[in-house]
């Protein structure tokens, strides 16, 4: 029987880190769907050709299309290389003006497709500059521009609109407009499913999996019942597995698969914390299932990291810390200490970057391990971890003394310190 001593119920709010979604990698992405850009662009050659076309006294329609494409390429290249916001917007505006003028003189499917792509890349750039509300406007412009092509049975246009709606759903989620996000992601999934019926492309299922992950995250944030949330995550995992089986060279998707599994573990774990079990056996069974799935996710991430996927190391840190946290809350302190020790010993260097997320999570690792030491009867080591975590919090406060999450974390450490006195 697993018992939870009272001091484990201290409000260590890991949800501020782990509840945001592993696979979101994803939440907060500048964009999810985009057309691939053509390798390295010779920007000088682009500028020279633009000058040549601009100075031409007369231009053919084909040259107009080329100029619009060059403006868009110039803009996306500046965006990819940290160019100035105003320059990027101005270039997209020039491309838009040319293509809209052409459409005003007569319908042309290729020009309409080109204009839709300009609006998509424009929206992605706005997204990247955190101009989320204007980004919504241009995602919608892209959808409206491409819709006549979709209505005419153009599968490529339907594919593009499905992707744009995926991006739009992510933006609505970032803005906290969860109902809108849910609705537009549902539309995205339906459109991708329609595209899949006429195309065997693996990337269609890949995007369907991405939509499913976002749907699971949003359903969780909206407080929907656990079954609906896990259904979305399960669908995403099935799709990832199908893609990996069809495309053996895409084993890097095992990282995505592992992260969705950890997302599912996280929401199941949160549900467990709020649940009243009829028996210890029922409770132990749920905890055991969560821990088994976390181990599977961590094993996949270990494999990815060993195969050279450096990004998987960040996810591995999250997975290992989640293992330690769940074991701690289950009262399995000796086992929890193994994983928390590993998190501290192998991943401290992640705190040296500019991203405070890892610094905050390492502080939470120390807080959890302090609880573990307390459960093991070692108040001295518990106090040491409290001090180490507090040092990290003070470091965070130097960069942002007004951040509410940091202040909340500081209060949690103070509760732990008071417990030790």
Protein backbone atom coordinates (compact mmCIF):
# COMPACT_ATOMS: atom_id res chain seq x y z
CA UNK A 1 0.00 0.00 0.00
CA UNK A 2 1.30 3.45 -0.95
CA UNK A 3 0.86 6.13 1.67
CA UNK A 4 1.25 9.86 1.21
CA UNK A 5 2.45 11.67 4.33
CA UNK A 6 0.87 15.04 4.89
CA UNK A 7 3.97 17.02 4.04
CA UNK A 8 3.84 15.72 0.45
CA UNK A 9 0.67 17.73 -0.04
CA UNK A 10 2.67 20.95 0.02
CA UNK A 11 1.56 22.98 -3.01
CA UNK A 12 4.45 22.19 -5.36
CA UNK A 13 2.77 23.35 -8.53
CA UNK A 14 4.52 21.44 -11.28
CA UNK A 15 1.61 22.19 -13.58
CA UNK A 16 3.18 25.53 -14.43
CA UNK A 17 5.91 23.55 -16.19
CA UNK A 18 4.71 20.07 -17.01
CA UNK A 19 1.07 20.84 -17.69
CA UNK A 20 1.82 23.01 -20.70
CA UNK A 21 2.41 19.98 -22.89
CA UNK A 22 5.54 18.12 -23.89
CA UNK A 23 4.56 17.68 -27.52
CA UNK A 24 3.61 21.22 -27.84
CA UNK A 25 7.03 21.56 -27.81
CA UNK A 26 4.52 23.00 -29.28
CA UNK A 27 2.47 25.30 -27.50
CA UNK A 28 3.66 28.76 -28.30
CA UNK A 29 5.19 27.83 -31.62
CA UNK A 30 5.50 30.69 -34.08
CA UNK A 31 3.86 28.42 -36.61
CA UNK A 32 3.28 24.73 -37.22
CA UNK A 33 2.40 24.58 -40.92
CA UNK A 34 4.46 26.32 -43.60
CA UNK A 35 5.57 25.79 -47.15
CA UNK A 36 9.18 24.66 -47.40
CA UNK A 37 11.57 27.43 -48.39
CA UNK A 38 14.08 26.75 -51.14
CA UNK A 39 17.37 26.20 -49.31
CA UNK A 40 19.86 29.05 -49.01
CA UNK A 41 18.77 32.16 -50.89
CA UNK A 42 21.29 34.41 -52.63
CA UNK A 43 19.77 37.65 -51.36
CA UNK A 44 22.05 39.83 -53.49
CA UNK A 45 20.87 38.01 -56.61
CA UNK A 46 17.26 38.51 -55.49
CA UNK A 47 17.82 42.23 -54.93
CA UNK A 48 19.55 42.65 -58.28
CA UNK A 49 16.73 40.92 -60.14
CA UNK A 50 14.14 42.99 -58.26
CA UNK A 51 15.92 46.18 -59.29
CA UNK A 52 16.06 44.99 -62.89
CA UNK A 53 12.34 44.22 -62.97
CA UNK A 54 11.34 47.40 -61.12
CA UNK A 55 13.26 49.52 -63.65
CA UNK A 56 11.72 47.79 -66.64
CA UNK A 57 9.40 50.23 -68.45
CA UNK A 58 6.99 47.42 -69.32
CA UNK A 59 6.55 44.07 -67.63
CA UNK A 60 4.74 41.01 -68.82
CA UNK A 61 2.30 39.21 -66.52
CA UNK A 62 4.92 36.50 -66.05
CA UNK A 63 7.48 39.12 -64.97
CA UNK A 64 4.93 40.61 -62.57
CA UNK A 65 4.42 37.16 -61.04
CA UNK A 66 8.20 36.78 -60.80
CA UNK A 67 8.58 40.16 -59.10
CA UNK A 68 5.87 39.32 -56.58
CA UNK A 69 7.59 36.00 -55.87
CA UNK A 70 10.94 37.76 -55.42
CA UNK A 71 9.43 40.27 -52.97
CA UNK A 72 7.98 37.37 -50.96
CA UNK A 73 11.27 35.44 -51.05
CA UNK A 74 13.14 38.55 -49.92
CA UNK A 75 10.66 39.02 -47.05
CA UNK A 76 10.80 35.40 -45.86
CA UNK A 77 14.61 35.42 -46.08
CA UNK A 78 14.76 38.56 -43.93
CA UNK A 79 12.40 36.93 -41.45
CA UNK A 80 14.53 33.77 -41.33
CA UNK A 81 17.67 35.88 -40.76
CA UNK A 82 16.26 38.26 -38.10
CA UNK A 83 15.61 41.15 -40.46
CA UNK A 84 13.72 44.32 -39.57
CA UNK A 85 9.98 43.97 -39.04
CA UNK A 86 9.03 47.06 -41.10
CA UNK A 87 11.15 45.90 -44.06
CA UNK A 88 9.52 42.47 -44.03
CA UNK A 89 6.00 43.89 -43.89
CA UNK A 90 6.76 46.37 -46.70
CA UNK A 91 8.04 43.60 -48.99
CA UNK A 92 5.01 41.40 -48.38
CA UNK A 93 2.84 44.45 -49.08
CA UNK A 94 4.51 44.96 -52.46
CA UNK A 95 3.93 41.33 -53.40
CA UNK A 96 0.30 41.60 -52.32
CA UNK A 97 -0.29 44.74 -54.40
CA UNK A 98 0.99 43.13 -57.60
CA UNK A 99 -1.03 39.94 -57.21
CA UNK A 100 -4.26 41.66 -56.15
CA UNK A 101 -4.00 43.94 -59.18
CA UNK A 102 -3.64 40.90 -61.45
CA UNK A 103 -6.68 39.19 -59.92
CA UNK A 104 -8.69 42.38 -60.35
CA UNK A 105 -8.19 42.04 -64.12
CA UNK A 106 -9.34 38.44 -64.23
CA UNK A 107 -9.37 35.17 -62.31
CA UNK A 108 -6.16 33.14 -62.43
CA UNK A 109 -5.78 30.06 -60.24
CA UNK A 110 -1.97 30.26 -60.13
CA UNK A 111 -2.01 33.92 -59.12
CA UNK A 112 -4.64 33.19 -56.47
CA UNK A 113 -2.49 30.36 -55.10
CA UNK A 114 0.55 32.66 -55.06
CA UNK A 115 -1.37 35.38 -53.21
CA UNK A 116 -2.62 32.85 -50.66
CA UNK A 117 0.98 31.75 -50.06
CA UNK A 118 2.07 35.36 -49.59
CA UNK A 119 -0.63 35.85 -46.93
CA UNK A 120 0.42 32.60 -45.22
CA UNK A 121 4.11 33.58 -45.03
CA UNK A 122 3.12 37.11 -43.96
CA UNK A 123 1.05 35.67 -41.11
CA UNK A 124 3.87 33.37 -40.06
CA UNK A 125 6.24 36.34 -39.91
CA UNK A 126 3.78 38.33 -37.80
CA UNK A 127 3.44 35.27 -35.58
CA UNK A 128 7.20 35.13 -35.17
CA UNK A 129 7.25 38.77 -34.04
CA UNK A 130 4.51 37.97 -31.49
CA UNK A 131 2.03 40.12 -33.42
CA UNK A 132 -0.65 37.51 -32.85
CA UNK A 133 -3.80 39.53 -33.54
CA UNK A 134 -2.52 40.85 -36.90
CA UNK A 135 -1.34 37.30 -37.67
CA UNK A 136 -4.93 36.07 -37.32
CA UNK A 137 -6.02 38.66 -39.90
CA UNK A 138 -3.51 37.41 -42.46
CA UNK A 139 -4.16 33.73 -41.79
CA UNK A 140 -7.81 34.49 -42.48
CA UNK A 141 -6.85 36.41 -45.65
CA UNK A 142 -4.94 33.33 -46.80
CA UNK A 143 -7.96 31.11 -46.14
CA UNK A 144 -10.37 33.47 -47.92
CA UNK A 145 -8.03 33.76 -50.90
CA UNK A 146 -7.58 30.00 -51.30
CA UNK A 147 -11.20 29.01 -50.61
CA UNK A 148 -12.42 29.44 -54.23
CA UNK A 149 -9.71 26.97 -55.29
CA UNK A 150 -10.79 24.53 -52.58
CA UNK A 151 -14.43 24.92 -53.65
CA UNK A 152 -13.42 24.00 -57.20
CA UNK A 153 -11.93 20.71 -56.00
CA UNK A 154 -8.26 21.71 -55.78
CA UNK A 155 -6.76 19.24 -53.30
CA UNK A 156 -3.60 21.32 -52.86
CA UNK A 157 -5.69 24.32 -51.76
CA UNK A 158 -7.61 22.15 -49.28
CA UNK A 159 -4.29 20.88 -47.90
CA UNK A 160 -3.01 24.46 -47.51
CA UNK A 161 -6.19 25.68 -45.81
CA UNK A 162 -6.06 22.75 -43.39
CA UNK A 163 -2.51 23.76 -42.45
CA UNK A 164 -3.42 27.42 -42.11
CA UNK A 165 -6.28 26.49 -39.79
CA UNK A 166 -3.80 24.46 -37.72
CA UNK A 167 -1.62 27.56 -37.32
CA UNK A 168 -4.69 29.65 -36.57
CA UNK A 169 -5.73 27.23 -33.83
CA UNK A 170 -2.30 27.49 -32.20
CA UNK A 171 -2.52 31.30 -32.24
CA UNK A 172 -6.00 31.30 -30.70
CA UNK A 173 -4.69 28.96 -28.00
CA UNK A 174 -1.76 31.30 -27.31
CA UNK A 175 -4.26 34.14 -26.92
CA UNK A 176 -6.37 32.08 -24.51
CA UNK A 177 -9.33 31.91 -26.92
CA UNK A 178 -9.81 28.19 -26.41
CA UNK A 179 -13.29 27.83 -27.91
CA UNK A 180 -12.13 29.41 -31.17
CA UNK A 181 -8.98 27.30 -31.10
CA UNK A 182 -11.00 24.14 -30.59
CA UNK A 183 -13.41 24.94 -33.43
CA UNK A 184 -10.76 25.82 -36.00
CA UNK A 185 -8.62 22.78 -35.11
CA UNK A 186 -11.66 20.54 -35.56
CA UNK A 187 -12.09 22.07 -39.03
CA UNK A 188 -8.40 21.52 -39.76
CA UNK A 189 -8.58 17.83 -38.85
CA UNK A 190 -11.67 17.26 -40.99
CA UNK A 191 -9.99 18.91 -43.97
CA UNK A 192 -6.81 16.87 -43.54
CA UNK A 193 -8.88 13.71 -43.35
CA UNK A 194 -10.57 14.69 -46.63
CA UNK A 195 -7.15 15.30 -48.22
CA UNK A 196 -5.90 11.93 -46.97
CA UNK A 197 -8.65 10.16 -48.93
CA UNK A 198 -7.22 11.53 -52.18
CA UNK A 199 -3.54 11.48 -51.24
CA UNK A 200 -1.18 8.92 -49.77
CA UNK A 201 1.27 11.56 -48.55
CA UNK A 202 2.65 10.74 -45.12
CA UNK A 203 2.88 14.42 -44.20
CA UNK A 204 -0.93 14.61 -44.26
CA UNK A 205 -1.11 12.08 -41.44
CA UNK A 206 1.80 13.81 -39.76
CA UNK A 207 -0.14 17.08 -39.68
CA UNK A 208 -3.27 15.20 -38.55
CA UNK A 209 -1.21 13.94 -35.61
CA UNK A 210 -0.06 17.50 -34.87
CA UNK A 211 -3.65 18.72 -34.92
CA UNK A 212 -4.64 15.89 -32.56
CA UNK A 213 -1.92 16.87 -30.08
CA UNK A 214 -3.13 20.47 -30.09
CA UNK A 215 -6.73 19.28 -29.66
CA UNK A 216 -5.69 17.22 -26.64
CA UNK A 217 -3.87 20.17 -25.10
CA UNK A 218 -6.84 22.47 -25.59
CA UNK A 219 -9.39 19.97 -24.28
CA UNK A 220 -7.20 19.58 -21.20
CA UNK A 221 -6.96 23.34 -20.68
CA UNK A 222 -10.73 23.64 -21.09
CA UNK A 223 -11.24 21.13 -18.29
CA UNK A 224 -12.88 18.48 -20.46
CA UNK A 225 -13.21 14.98 -19.07
CA UNK A 226 -10.08 12.84 -19.10
CA UNK A 227 -11.42 10.40 -21.71
CA UNK A 228 -11.81 13.11 -24.36
CA UNK A 229 -8.30 14.40 -23.73
CA UNK A 230 -6.65 10.98 -23.87
CA UNK A 231 -8.65 10.06 -26.98
CA UNK A 232 -7.02 12.98 -28.81
CA UNK A 233 -3.55 11.99 -27.60
CA UNK A 234 -4.17 8.33 -28.49
CA UNK A 235 -5.23 9.32 -32.00
CA UNK A 236 -2.04 11.36 -32.38
CA UNK A 237 0.09 8.41 -31.27
CA UNK A 238 -1.65 6.03 -33.69
CA UNK A 239 -1.00 8.43 -36.55
CA UNK A 240 2.67 8.86 -35.60
CA UNK A 241 3.08 5.07 -35.48
CA UNK A 242 1.46 4.71 -38.92
CA UNK A 243 3.83 7.29 -40.41
CA UNK A 244 6.89 5.64 -38.83
CA UNK A 245 5.82 2.21 -40.11
CA UNK A 246 5.26 3.57 -43.63
CA UNK A 247 8.42 5.69 -43.62
CA UNK A 248 11.18 3.83 -41.70
CA UNK A 249 13.59 6.71 -42.32
CA UNK A 250 11.36 8.97 -40.19
CA UNK A 251 12.32 7.37 -36.87
CA UNK A 252 12.94 10.90 -35.54
CA UNK A 253 9.16 10.96 -35.07
CA UNK A 254 9.71 8.65 -32.11
CA UNK A 255 10.50 11.82 -30.19
CA UNK A 256 7.06 13.21 -31.04
CA UNK A 257 5.49 9.88 -30.10
CA UNK A 258 7.29 9.87 -26.75
CA UNK A 259 6.23 13.43 -25.99
CA UNK A 260 2.57 12.73 -26.69
CA UNK A 261 2.80 9.69 -24.42
CA UNK A 262 4.25 11.92 -21.69
CA UNK A 263 1.47 14.45 -22.28
CA UNK A 264 -1.06 11.68 -21.74
CA UNK A 265 0.78 10.61 -18.60
CA UNK A 266 0.73 14.17 -17.32
CA UNK A 267 -3.04 14.63 -17.66
CA UNK A 268 -3.67 11.17 -16.18
CA UNK A 269 -1.37 12.07 -13.29
CA UNK A 270 -3.20 15.35 -12.68
CA UNK A 271 -6.50 13.49 -12.71
CA UNK A 272 -5.08 11.00 -10.21
CA UNK A 273 -4.15 13.84 -7.82
CA UNK A 274 -7.78 15.03 -7.82
CA UNK A 275 -9.36 11.58 -7.75
CA UNK A 276 -10.76 9.75 -4.73
CA UNK A 277 -10.07 6.03 -5.07
CA UNK A 278 -12.30 3.34 -3.64
CA UNK A 279 -9.31 1.23 -2.64
CA UNK A 280 -5.55 1.35 -2.37
CA UNK A 281 -5.35 -1.36 -5.04
CA UNK A 282 -7.23 0.82 -7.52
CA UNK A 283 -4.97 3.75 -6.76
CA UNK A 284 -1.80 1.68 -7.07
CA UNK A 285 -2.99 0.32 -10.41
CA UNK A 286 -3.45 3.84 -11.83
CA UNK A 287 -0.09 5.00 -10.50
CA UNK A 288 1.61 1.90 -11.87
CA UNK A 289 0.12 2.50 -15.31
CA UNK A 290 1.29 6.11 -15.35
CA UNK A 291 4.81 5.16 -14.27
CA UNK A 292 4.99 2.39 -16.88
CA UNK A 293 4.02 4.79 -19.66
CA UNK A 294 6.48 7.44 -18.44
CA UNK A 295 9.22 4.80 -18.56
CA UNK A 296 8.25 3.96 -22.14
CA UNK A 297 8.38 7.62 -23.13
CA UNK A 298 11.74 8.13 -21.44
CA UNK A 299 13.10 5.00 -23.13
CA UNK A 300 12.12 6.35 -26.57
CA UNK A 301 13.72 9.71 -25.79
CA UNK A 302 16.89 7.97 -24.56
CA UNK A 303 17.02 6.12 -27.90
CA UNK A 304 16.54 9.32 -29.88
CA UNK A 305 19.23 11.14 -27.93
CA UNK A 306 21.66 8.25 -28.35
CA UNK A 307 20.99 8.33 -32.11
CA UNK A 308 22.06 11.97 -32.25
CA UNK A 309 18.80 13.86 -31.81
CA UNK A 310 20.10 16.61 -29.52
CA UNK A 311 16.68 18.20 -29.06
CA UNK A 312 15.47 14.97 -27.45
CA UNK A 313 17.74 15.74 -24.48
CA UNK A 314 15.48 18.60 -23.40
CA UNK A 315 12.45 16.33 -23.53
CA UNK A 316 14.39 13.64 -21.70
CA UNK A 317 14.98 16.08 -18.85
CA UNK A 318 11.24 16.77 -18.65
CA UNK A 319 10.43 13.06 -18.71
CA UNK A 320 12.91 12.17 -15.98
CA UNK A 321 11.71 14.99 -13.73
CA UNK A 322 8.12 13.87 -14.25
CA UNK A 323 9.12 10.34 -13.20
CA UNK A 324 10.66 11.69 -10.02
CA UNK A 325 7.66 13.88 -9.25
CA UNK A 326 5.10 11.08 -9.68
CA UNK A 327 7.15 8.68 -7.55
CA UNK A 328 7.50 11.35 -4.88
CA UNK A 329 3.76 11.97 -4.77
CA UNK A 330 3.24 8.21 -4.61
CA UNK A 331 5.44 8.06 -1.51
CA UNK A 332 8.13 5.99 -3.27
CA UNK A 333 10.94 8.23 -2.07
CA UNK A 334 13.96 6.01 -2.66
CA UNK A 335 12.89 5.43 -6.28
CA UNK A 336 12.04 9.11 -6.76
CA UNK A 337 15.49 10.13 -5.55
CA UNK A 338 17.15 8.07 -8.30
CA UNK A 339 15.46 10.08 -11.06
CA UNK A 340 15.75 13.44 -9.35
CA UNK A 341 19.46 12.83 -8.73
CA UNK A 342 19.86 12.10 -12.41
CA UNK A 343 18.02 15.29 -13.36
CA UNK A 344 20.40 17.32 -11.19
CA UNK A 345 23.60 15.48 -12.14
CA UNK A 346 23.11 15.22 -15.90
CA UNK A 347 21.09 18.27 -16.91
CA UNK A 348 22.37 21.22 -14.87
CA UNK A 349 23.99 22.69 -17.99
CA UNK A 350 20.53 23.33 -19.47
CA UNK A 351 20.14 26.10 -16.89
CA UNK A 352 23.07 28.01 -18.36
CA UNK A 353 21.17 29.23 -21.43
CA UNK A 354 18.99 32.29 -21.82
CA UNK A 355 15.73 30.34 -21.44
CA UNK A 356 14.57 30.61 -17.83
CA UNK A 357 12.20 27.66 -18.28
CA UNK A 358 14.89 25.15 -17.41
CA UNK A 359 16.13 27.27 -14.52
CA UNK A 360 12.62 27.29 -13.08
CA UNK A 361 12.16 23.58 -13.61
CA UNK A 362 15.51 22.78 -11.98
CA UNK A 363 14.36 24.82 -8.99
CA UNK A 364 11.27 22.60 -8.88
CA UNK A 365 13.51 19.52 -9.06
CA UNK A 366 15.31 20.73 -5.94
CA UNK A 367 11.97 21.43 -4.25
CA UNK A 368 10.70 17.94 -5.02
CA UNK A 369 13.93 16.32 -3.92
CA UNK A 370 13.72 18.31 -0.68
CA UNK A 371 10.35 16.64 -0.09
CA UNK A 372 11.92 13.28 -0.93
CA UNK A 373 14.73 13.79 1.57
CA UNK A 374 12.15 14.79 4.16
CA UNK A 375 10.26 11.57 3.43
CA UNK A 376 13.50 9.63 3.87
CA UNK A 377 14.10 11.31 7.23
CA UNK A 378 17.08 13.40 6.12
CA UNK A 379 16.24 16.96 7.13
CA UNK A 380 19.80 18.17 6.56
CA UNK A 381 19.83 17.24 2.87
CA UNK A 382 16.29 18.54 2.52
CA UNK A 383 17.41 21.91 3.82
CA UNK A 384 20.39 21.91 1.42
CA UNK A 385 18.09 21.38 -1.57
CA UNK A 386 15.82 24.16 -0.34
CA UNK A 387 18.80 26.50 -0.26
CA UNK A 388 19.95 25.45 -3.75
CA UNK A 389 16.46 25.94 -5.14
CA UNK A 390 16.16 29.32 -3.42
CA UNK A 391 19.42 30.42 -5.04
CA UNK A 392 17.97 29.62 -8.45
CA UNK A 393 14.82 31.55 -7.58
CA UNK A 394 16.87 34.59 -6.56
CA UNK A 395 18.72 34.30 -9.87
CA UNK A 396 15.39 34.31 -11.68
CA UNK A 397 14.16 37.30 -9.69
CA UNK A 398 17.17 39.31 -10.84
CA UNK A 399 16.02 38.95 -14.43
CA UNK A 400 12.30 39.45 -13.75
CA UNK A 401 11.26 40.45 -10.25
CA UNK A 402 7.60 40.93 -11.24
CA UNK A 403 6.96 37.49 -12.76
CA UNK A 404 4.02 35.91 -10.94
CA UNK A 405 5.19 32.32 -11.51
CA UNK A 406 8.60 33.08 -10.02
CA UNK A 407 6.98 34.75 -7.03
CA UNK A 408 4.70 31.73 -6.59
CA UNK A 409 7.69 29.40 -6.73
CA UNK A 410 9.46 31.52 -4.10
CA UNK A 411 6.44 31.17 -1.82
CA UNK A 412 6.47 27.39 -2.30
CA UNK A 413 10.10 27.24 -1.22
CA UNK A 414 9.27 29.32 1.83
CA UNK A 415 6.56 26.80 2.75
CA UNK A 416 9.12 24.02 2.50
CA UNK A 417 11.64 25.94 4.60
CA UNK A 418 8.96 26.64 7.23
CA UNK A 419 8.14 22.92 7.27
CA UNK A 420 11.77 22.14 8.11
CA UNK A 421 11.95 24.49 11.08
